[in-house]
Amino acid sequence: MAMGGFIGSDPTLTLSQLRKYVRQGQVRYFLVYPGQVPPRFADPVLAGWVTAHCPVVKPAAFAAAFTQDALVLHDCGPAKGSS
């Protein structure tokens, strides 16, 4: 699921919907850019919520292809991201 669509301009989700999907376990993992989120890649409100509420998965735990310099994987699994 691309948050904001392919180029970030599509209103694919509201924050309320994202929180509901996380709470219900329908989505768990999110790849986001560290620091400032380029608006063309993701909705900054949604990406901000993910980065604030869901812990980072260490790159070695999921793939050597992703590093802190590129994308960061966040885990919004059970007992995480529920607030």
PDB file of N, CA and C in Angstrom:
ATOM      1  N   MET A   1       0.857  -1.168   0.000  1.00  0.00           N
ATOM      2  CA  MET A   1       0.000   0.000   0.000  1.00  0.00           C
ATOM      3  C   MET A   1       0.900   1.227   0.000  1.00  0.00           C
ATOM      4  N   ALA A   2       0.723   2.068  -0.944  1.00  0.00           N
ATOM      5  CA  ALA A   2       1.476   3.314  -0.988  1.00  0.00           C
ATOM      6  C   ALA A   2       0.685   4.394  -0.264  1.00  0.00           C
ATOM      7  N   MET A   3       1.273   4.959   0.788  1.00  0.00           N
ATOM      8  CA  MET A   3       0.582   6.012   1.528  1.00  0.00           C
ATOM      9  C   MET A   3       0.683   7.302   0.729  1.00  0.00           C
ATOM     10  N   GLY A   4      -0.406   7.686   0.124  1.00  0.00           N
ATOM     11  CA  GLY A   4      -0.398   8.870  -0.728  1.00  0.00           C
ATOM     12  C   GLY A   4      -0.372   8.506  -2.195  1.00  0.00           C
ATOM     13  N   GLY A   5      -0.474   7.225  -2.491  1.00  0.00           N
ATOM     14  CA  GLY A   5      -0.462   6.801  -3.886  1.00  0.00           C
ATOM     15  C   GLY A   5       0.948   6.755  -4.447  1.00  0.00           C
ATOM     16  N   PHE A   6       1.049   6.602  -5.726  1.00  0.00           N
ATOM     17  CA  PHE A   6       2.343   6.429  -6.378  1.00  0.00           C
ATOM     18  C   PHE A   6       3.254   7.637  -6.217  1.00  0.00           C
ATOM     19  N   ILE A   7       2.707   8.847  -6.326  1.00  0.00           N
ATOM     20  CA  ILE A   7       3.547  10.034  -6.203  1.00  0.00           C
ATOM     21  C   ILE A   7       3.183  10.887  -4.987  1.00  0.00           C
ATOM     22  N   GLY A   8       2.385  10.368  -4.087  1.00  0.00           N
ATOM     23  CA  GLY A   8       2.078  11.064  -2.853  1.00  0.00           C
ATOM     24  C   GLY A   8       0.919  12.024  -2.902  1.00  0.00           C
ATOM     25  N   SER A   9       0.276  12.165  -4.038  1.00  0.00           N
ATOM     26  CA  SER A   9      -0.798  13.145  -4.146  1.00  0.00           C
ATOM     27  C   SER A   9      -2.191  12.532  -4.018  1.00  0.00           C
ATOM     28  N   ASP A  10      -2.279  11.219  -3.981  1.00  0.00           N
ATOM     29  CA  ASP A  10      -3.580  10.562  -3.849  1.00  0.00           C
ATOM     30  C   ASP A  10      -3.971  10.459  -2.376  1.00  0.00           C
ATOM     31  N   PRO A  11      -5.184  10.852  -2.027  1.00  0.00           N
ATOM     32  CA  PRO A  11      -5.624  10.728  -0.642  1.00  0.00           C
ATOM     33  C   PRO A  11      -6.057   9.292  -0.343  1.00  0.00           C
ATOM     34  N   THR A  12      -5.090   8.381  -0.272  1.00  0.00           N
ATOM     35  CA  THR A  12      -5.411   6.963  -0.123  1.00  0.00           C
ATOM     36  C   THR A  12      -5.951   6.604   1.248  1.00  0.00           C
ATOM     37  N   LEU A  13      -5.433   7.232   2.298  1.00  0.00           N
ATOM     38  CA  LEU A  13      -5.849   6.936   3.665  1.00  0.00           C
ATOM     39  C   LEU A  13      -5.944   8.214   4.477  1.00  0.00           C
ATOM     40  N   THR A  14      -6.804   8.193   5.452  1.00  0.00           N
ATOM     41  CA  THR A  14      -6.775   9.236   6.473  1.00  0.00           C
ATOM     42  C   THR A  14      -5.973   8.670   7.646  1.00  0.00           C
ATOM     43  N   LEU A  15      -5.573   9.524   8.560  1.00  0.00           N
ATOM     44  CA  LEU A  15      -4.867   9.048   9.738  1.00  0.00           C
ATOM     45  C   LEU A  15      -5.746   8.103  10.545  1.00  0.00           C
ATOM     46  N   SER A  16      -7.017   8.412  10.634  1.00  0.00           N
ATOM     47  CA  SER A  16      -7.960   7.556  11.351  1.00  0.00           C
ATOM     48  C   SER A  16      -8.024   6.160  10.728  1.00  0.00           C
ATOM     49  N   GLN A  17      -8.065   6.095   9.407  1.00  0.00           N
ATOM     50  CA  GLN A  17      -8.101   4.796   8.725  1.00  0.00           C
ATOM     51  C   GLN A  17      -6.810   4.019   8.953  1.00  0.00           C
ATOM     52  N   LEU A  18      -5.679   4.706   8.864  1.00  0.00           N
ATOM     53  CA  LEU A  18      -4.391   4.043   9.087  1.00  0.00           C
ATOM     54  C   LEU A  18      -4.335   3.450  10.486  1.00  0.00           C
ATOM     55  N   ARG A  19      -4.718   4.237  11.487  1.00  0.00           N
ATOM     56  CA  ARG A  19      -4.716   3.740  12.863  1.00  0.00           C
ATOM     57  C   ARG A  19      -5.649   2.541  13.028  1.00  0.00           C
ATOM     58  N   LYS A  20      -6.796   2.582  12.378  1.00  0.00           N
ATOM     59  CA  LYS A  20      -7.748   1.463  12.446  1.00  0.00           C
ATOM     60  C   LYS A  20      -7.142   0.204  11.833  1.00  0.00           C
ATOM     61  N   TYR A  21      -6.514   0.328  10.665  1.00  0.00           N
ATOM     62  CA  TYR A  21      -5.899  -0.831  10.012  1.00  0.00           C
ATOM     63  C   TYR A  21      -4.787  -1.429  10.868  1.00  0.00           C
ATOM     64  N   VAL A  22      -3.997  -0.574  11.516  1.00  0.00           N
ATOM     65  CA  VAL A  22      -2.936  -1.057  12.392  1.00  0.00           C
ATOM     66  C   VAL A  22      -3.551  -1.759  13.597  1.00  0.00           C
ATOM     67  N   ARG A  23      -4.521  -1.128  14.223  1.00  0.00           N
ATOM     68  CA  ARG A  23      -5.185  -1.691  15.409  1.00  0.00           C
ATOM     69  C   ARG A  23      -5.802  -3.050  15.102  1.00  0.00           C
ATOM     70  N   GLN A  24      -6.390  -3.194  13.916  1.00  0.00           N
ATOM     71  CA  GLN A  24      -7.040  -4.447  13.531  1.00  0.00           C
ATOM     72  C   GLN A  24      -6.059  -5.478  12.991  1.00  0.00           C
ATOM     73  N   GLY A  25      -4.796  -5.102  12.842  1.00  0.00           N
ATOM     74  CA  GLY A  25      -3.790  -6.030  12.339  1.00  0.00           C
ATOM     75  C   GLY A  25      -3.821  -6.217  10.830  1.00  0.00           C
ATOM     76  N   GLN A  26      -4.514  -5.325  10.119  1.00  0.00           N
ATOM     77  CA  GLN A  26      -4.591  -5.447   8.657  1.00  0.00           C
ATOM     78  C   GLN A  26      -3.317  -4.983   7.974  1.00  0.00           C
ATOM     79  N   VAL A  27      -2.598  -4.063   8.593  1.00  0.00           N
ATOM     80  CA  VAL A  27      -1.270  -3.659   8.118  1.00  0.00           C
ATOM     81  C   VAL A  27      -0.346  -3.659   9.320  1.00  0.00           C
ATOM     82  N   ARG A  28       0.910  -3.965   9.066  1.00  0.00           N
ATOM     83  CA  ARG A  28       1.858  -4.048  10.169  1.00  0.00           C
ATOM     84  C   ARG A  28       3.162  -3.323   9.873  1.00  0.00           C
ATOM     85  N   TYR A  29       3.717  -3.530   8.707  1.00  0.00           N
ATOM     86  CA  TYR A  29       5.027  -2.976   8.388  1.00  0.00           C
ATOM     87  C   TYR A  29       4.923  -1.806   7.420  1.00  0.00           C
ATOM     88  N   PHE A  30       5.787  -0.808   7.630  1.00  0.00           N
ATOM     89  CA  PHE A  30       5.827   0.361   6.763  1.00  0.00           C
ATOM     90  C   PHE A  30       7.273   0.700   6.444  1.00  0.00           C
ATOM     91  N   LEU A  31       7.561   0.948   5.188  1.00  0.00           N
ATOM     92  CA  LEU A  31       8.860   1.459   4.775  1.00  0.00           C
ATOM     93  C   LEU A  31       8.721   2.960   4.592  1.00  0.00           C
ATOM     94  N   VAL A  32       9.537   3.717   5.297  1.00  0.00           N
ATOM     95  CA  VAL A  32       9.492   5.173   5.174  1.00  0.00           C
ATOM     96  C   VAL A  32      10.904   5.717   5.031  1.00  0.00           C
ATOM     97  N   TYR A  33      11.003   6.912   4.492  1.00  0.00           N
ATOM     98  CA  TYR A  33      12.280   7.602   4.402  1.00  0.00           C
ATOM     99  C   TYR A  33      12.601   8.208   5.756  1.00  0.00           C
ATOM    100  N   PRO A  34      13.847   8.108   6.220  1.00  0.00           N
ATOM    101  CA  PRO A  34      14.189   8.702   7.514  1.00  0.00           C
ATOM    102  C   PRO A  34      14.167  10.227   7.457  1.00  0.00           C
ATOM    103  N   GLY A  35      13.981  10.840   8.609  1.00  0.00           N
ATOM    104  CA  GLY A  35      13.999  12.297   8.684  1.00  0.00           C
ATOM    105  C   GLY A  35      12.805  12.905   7.980  1.00  0.00           C
ATOM    106  N   GLN A  36      13.039  13.929   7.206  1.00  0.00           N
ATOM    107  CA  GLN A  36      11.970  14.588   6.454  1.00  0.00           C
ATOM    108  C   GLN A  36      11.469  13.655   5.361  1.00  0.00           C
ATOM    109  N   VAL A  37      10.182  13.483   5.315  1.00  0.00           N
ATOM    110  CA  VAL A  37       9.577  12.607   4.314  1.00  0.00           C
ATOM    111  C   VAL A  37       9.299  13.422   3.056  1.00  0.00           C
ATOM    112  N   PRO A  38       9.881  13.039   1.924  1.00  0.00           N
ATOM    113  CA  PRO A  38       9.544  13.777   0.702  1.00  0.00           C
ATOM    114  C   PRO A  38       8.056  13.628   0.397  1.00  0.00           C
ATOM    115  N   PRO A  39       7.293  14.723   0.300  1.00  0.00           N
ATOM    116  CA  PRO A  39       5.851  14.639   0.072  1.00  0.00           C
ATOM    117  C   PRO A  39       5.480  13.856  -1.172  1.00  0.00           C
ATOM    118  N   ARG A  40       6.357  13.795  -2.146  1.00  0.00           N
ATOM    119  CA  ARG A  40       5.987  13.069  -3.365  1.00  0.00           C
ATOM    120  C   ARG A  40       6.007  11.561  -3.177  1.00  0.00           C
ATOM    121  N   PHE A  41       6.571  11.072  -2.076  1.00  0.00           N
ATOM    122  CA  PHE A  41       6.641   9.632  -1.848  1.00  0.00           C
ATOM    123  C   PHE A  41       5.648   9.126  -0.821  1.00  0.00           C
ATOM    124  N   ALA A  42       5.218   9.958   0.111  1.00  0.00           N
ATOM    125  CA  ALA A  42       4.284   9.507   1.148  1.00  0.00           C
ATOM    126  C   ALA A  42       3.637  10.706   1.812  1.00  0.00           C
ATOM    127  N   ASP A  43       2.472  10.493   2.330  1.00  0.00           N
ATOM    128  CA  ASP A  43       1.788  11.529   3.084  1.00  0.00           C
ATOM    129  C   ASP A  43       2.593  11.777   4.358  1.00  0.00           C
ATOM    130  N   PRO A  44       3.079  13.001   4.582  1.00  0.00           N
ATOM    131  CA  PRO A  44       3.909  13.262   5.752  1.00  0.00           C
ATOM    132  C   PRO A  44       3.182  13.078   7.083  1.00  0.00           C
ATOM    133  N   VAL A  45       1.880  13.265   7.126  1.00  0.00           N
ATOM    134  CA  VAL A  45       1.124  13.045   8.366  1.00  0.00           C
ATOM    135  C   VAL A  45       1.112  11.561   8.710  1.00  0.00           C
ATOM    136  N   LEU A  46       0.844  10.722   7.715  1.00  0.00           N
ATOM    137  CA  LEU A  46       0.813   9.277   7.948  1.00  0.00           C
ATOM    138  C   LEU A  46       2.203   8.748   8.289  1.00  0.00           C
ATOM    139  N   ALA A  47       3.193   9.159   7.514  1.00  0.00           N
ATOM    140  CA  ALA A  47       4.561   8.709   7.767  1.00  0.00           C
ATOM    141  C   ALA A  47       5.043   9.200   9.130  1.00  0.00           C
ATOM    142  N   GLY A  48       4.644  10.405   9.516  1.00  0.00           N
ATOM    143  CA  GLY A  48       5.005  10.932  10.828  1.00  0.00           C
ATOM    144  C   GLY A  48       4.398  10.118  11.952  1.00  0.00           C
ATOM    145  N   TRP A  49       3.149   9.706  11.783  1.00  0.00           N
ATOM    146  CA  TRP A  49       2.504   8.876  12.799  1.00  0.00           C
ATOM    147  C   TRP A  49       3.218   7.537  12.922  1.00  0.00           C
ATOM    148  N   VAL A  50       3.532   6.933  11.785  1.00  0.00           N
ATOM    149  CA  VAL A  50       4.238   5.642  11.796  1.00  0.00           C
ATOM    150  C   VAL A  50       5.572   5.778  12.518  1.00  0.00           C
ATOM    151  N   THR A  51       6.350   6.797  12.173  1.00  0.00           N
ATOM    152  CA  THR A  51       7.670   6.938  12.788  1.00  0.00           C
ATOM    153  C   THR A  51       7.571   7.260  14.278  1.00  0.00           C
ATOM    154  N   ALA A  52       6.497   7.909  14.702  1.00  0.00           N
ATOM    155  CA  ALA A  52       6.326   8.252  16.113  1.00  0.00           C
ATOM    156  C   ALA A  52       5.786   7.095  16.957  1.00  0.00           C
ATOM    157  N   HIS A  53       5.055   6.175  16.348  1.00  0.00           N
ATOM    158  CA  HIS A  53       4.365   5.139  17.116  1.00  0.00           C
ATOM    159  C   HIS A  53       4.848   3.713  16.889  1.00  0.00           C
ATOM    160  N   CYS A  54       5.658   3.498  15.884  1.00  0.00           N
ATOM    161  CA  CYS A  54       6.056   2.133  15.546  1.00  0.00           C
ATOM    162  C   CYS A  54       7.576   2.017  15.532  1.00  0.00           C
ATOM    163  N   PRO A  55       8.122   1.076  16.288  1.00  0.00           N
ATOM    164  CA  PRO A  55       9.569   0.958  16.374  1.00  0.00           C
ATOM    165  C   PRO A  55      10.217   0.552  15.050  1.00  0.00           C
ATOM    166  N   VAL A  56      11.472   0.920  14.924  1.00  0.00           N
ATOM    167  CA  VAL A  56      12.268   0.587  13.739  1.00  0.00           C
ATOM    168  C   VAL A  56      12.740  -0.856  13.837  1.00  0.00           C
ATOM    169  N   VAL A  57      12.675  -1.557  12.719  1.00  0.00           N
ATOM    170  CA  VAL A  57      13.238  -2.900  12.614  1.00  0.00           C
ATOM    171  C   VAL A  57      14.668  -2.731  12.120  1.00  0.00           C
ATOM    172  N   LYS A  58      15.621  -3.335  12.813  1.00  0.00           N
ATOM    173  CA  LYS A  58      17.015  -3.215  12.406  1.00  0.00           C
ATOM    174  C   LYS A  58      17.187  -3.795  11.003  1.00  0.00           C
ATOM    175  N   PRO A  59      17.901  -3.078  10.134  1.00  0.00           N
ATOM    176  CA  PRO A  59      18.056  -3.541   8.741  1.00  0.00           C
ATOM    177  C   PRO A  59      18.542  -4.979   8.624  1.00  0.00           C
ATOM    178  N   ALA A  60      19.436  -5.398   9.479  1.00  0.00           N
ATOM    179  CA  ALA A  60      19.951  -6.768   9.403  1.00  0.00           C
ATOM    180  C   ALA A  60      18.856  -7.804   9.640  1.00  0.00           C
ATOM    181  N   ALA A  61      17.782  -7.394  10.311  1.00  0.00           N
ATOM    182  CA  ALA A  61      16.696  -8.317  10.625  1.00  0.00           C
ATOM    183  C   ALA A  61      15.749  -8.546   9.463  1.00  0.00           C
ATOM    184  N   PHE A  62      15.804  -7.700   8.426  1.00  0.00           N
ATOM    185  CA  PHE A  62      14.841  -7.894   7.343  1.00  0.00           C
ATOM    186  C   PHE A  62      15.446  -7.950   5.957  1.00  0.00           C
ATOM    187  N   ALA A  63      16.520  -7.274   5.689  1.00  0.00           N
ATOM    188  CA  ALA A  63      17.141  -7.385   4.364  1.00  0.00           C
ATOM    189  C   ALA A  63      18.381  -6.514   4.303  1.00  0.00           C
ATOM    190  N   ALA A  64      19.414  -7.037   3.705  1.00  0.00           N
ATOM    191  CA  ALA A  64      20.647  -6.272   3.554  1.00  0.00           C
ATOM    192  C   ALA A  64      20.489  -5.154   2.531  1.00  0.00           C
ATOM    193  N   ALA A  65      19.476  -5.248   1.686  1.00  0.00           N
ATOM    194  CA  ALA A  65      19.280  -4.256   0.623  1.00  0.00           C
ATOM    195  C   ALA A  65      18.821  -2.908   1.153  1.00  0.00           C
ATOM    196  N   PHE A  66      18.197  -2.884   2.324  1.00  0.00           N
ATOM    197  CA  PHE A  66      17.710  -1.640   2.896  1.00  0.00           C
ATOM    198  C   PHE A  66      18.647  -1.188   4.007  1.00  0.00           C
ATOM    199  N   THR A  67      18.975   0.085   4.012  1.00  0.00           N
ATOM    200  CA  THR A  67      19.851   0.632   5.044  1.00  0.00           C
ATOM    201  C   THR A  67      19.221   1.894   5.605  1.00  0.00           C
ATOM    202  N   GLN A  68      19.782   2.401   6.672  1.00  0.00           N
ATOM    203  CA  GLN A  68      19.295   3.640   7.270  1.00  0.00           C
ATOM    204  C   GLN A  68      19.377   4.797   6.285  1.00  0.00           C
ATOM    205  N   ASP A  69      20.267   4.701   5.295  1.00  0.00           N
ATOM    206  CA  ASP A  69      20.407   5.783   4.321  1.00  0.00           C
ATOM    207  C   ASP A  69      19.299   5.778   3.282  1.00  0.00           C
ATOM    208  N   ALA A  70      18.597   4.686   3.160  1.00  0.00           N
ATOM    209  CA  ALA A  70      17.572   4.587   2.121  1.00  0.00           C
ATOM    210  C   ALA A  70      16.185   4.592   2.746  1.00  0.00           C
ATOM    211  N   LEU A  71      15.682   3.448   3.092  1.00  0.00           N
ATOM    212  CA  LEU A  71      14.359   3.320   3.690  1.00  0.00           C
ATOM    213  C   LEU A  71      14.472   2.700   5.073  1.00  0.00           C
ATOM    214  N   VAL A  72      13.532   3.025   5.921  1.00  0.00           N
ATOM    215  CA  VAL A  72      13.517   2.469   7.272  1.00  0.00           C
ATOM    216  C   VAL A  72      12.226   1.681   7.427  1.00  0.00           C
ATOM    217  N   LEU A  73      12.357   0.449   7.915  1.00  0.00           N
ATOM    218  CA  LEU A  73      11.195  -0.409   8.146  1.00  0.00           C
ATOM    219  C   LEU A  73      10.707  -0.208   9.574  1.00  0.00           C
ATOM    220  N   HIS A  74       9.401   0.062   9.722  1.00  0.00           N
ATOM    221  CA  HIS A  74       8.781   0.213  11.041  1.00  0.00           C
ATOM    222  C   HIS A  74       7.795  -0.929  11.247  1.00  0.00           C
ATOM    223  N   ASP A  75       7.753  -1.449  12.474  1.00  0.00           N
ATOM    224  CA  ASP A  75       6.856  -2.530  12.827  1.00  0.00           C
ATOM    225  C   ASP A  75       5.741  -1.995  13.713  1.00  0.00           C
ATOM    226  N   CYS A  76       4.526  -1.996  13.188  1.00  0.00           N
ATOM    227  CA  CYS A  76       3.352  -1.531  13.935  1.00  0.00           C
ATOM    228  C   CYS A  76       2.530  -2.715  14.397  1.00  0.00           C
ATOM    229  N   GLY A  77       3.208  -3.789  14.750  1.00  0.00           N
ATOM    230  CA  GLY A  77       2.527  -5.027  15.146  1.00  0.00           C
ATOM    231  C   GLY A  77       1.766  -4.901  16.446  1.00  0.00           C
ATOM    232  N   PRO A  78       1.258  -6.023  16.944  1.00  0.00           N
ATOM    233  CA  PRO A  78       0.463  -6.044  18.169  1.00  0.00           C
ATOM    234  C   PRO A  78       1.150  -5.306  19.309  1.00  0.00           C
ATOM    235  N   ALA A  79       0.346  -4.536  20.042  1.00  0.00           N
ATOM    236  CA  ALA A  79       0.800  -3.737  21.182  1.00  0.00           C
ATOM    237  C   ALA A  79       1.690  -2.583  20.768  1.00  0.00           C
ATOM    238  N   LYS A  80       1.762  -2.318  19.461  1.00  0.00           N
ATOM    239  CA  LYS A  80       2.546  -1.193  18.953  1.00  0.00           C
ATOM    240  C   LYS A  80       1.640  -0.365  18.078  1.00  0.00           C
ATOM    241  N   GLY A  81       1.823   0.900  18.056  1.00  0.00           N
ATOM    242  CA  GLY A  81       1.070   1.768  17.160  1.00  0.00           C
ATOM    243  C   GLY A  81      -0.402   1.866  17.486  1.00  0.00           C
ATOM    244  N   SER A  82      -0.821   1.478  18.670  1.00  0.00           N
ATOM    245  CA  SER A  82      -2.240   1.468  18.980  1.00  0.00           C
ATOM    246  C   SER A  82      -2.766   2.792  19.504  1.00  0.00           C
ATOM    247  N   SER A  83      -1.877   3.721  19.793  1.00  0.00           N
ATOM    248  CA  SER A  83      -2.353   4.996  20.341  1.00  0.00           C
ATOM    249  C   SER A  83      -2.662   6.007  19.261  1.00  0.00           C
TER     250      SER A  83
END
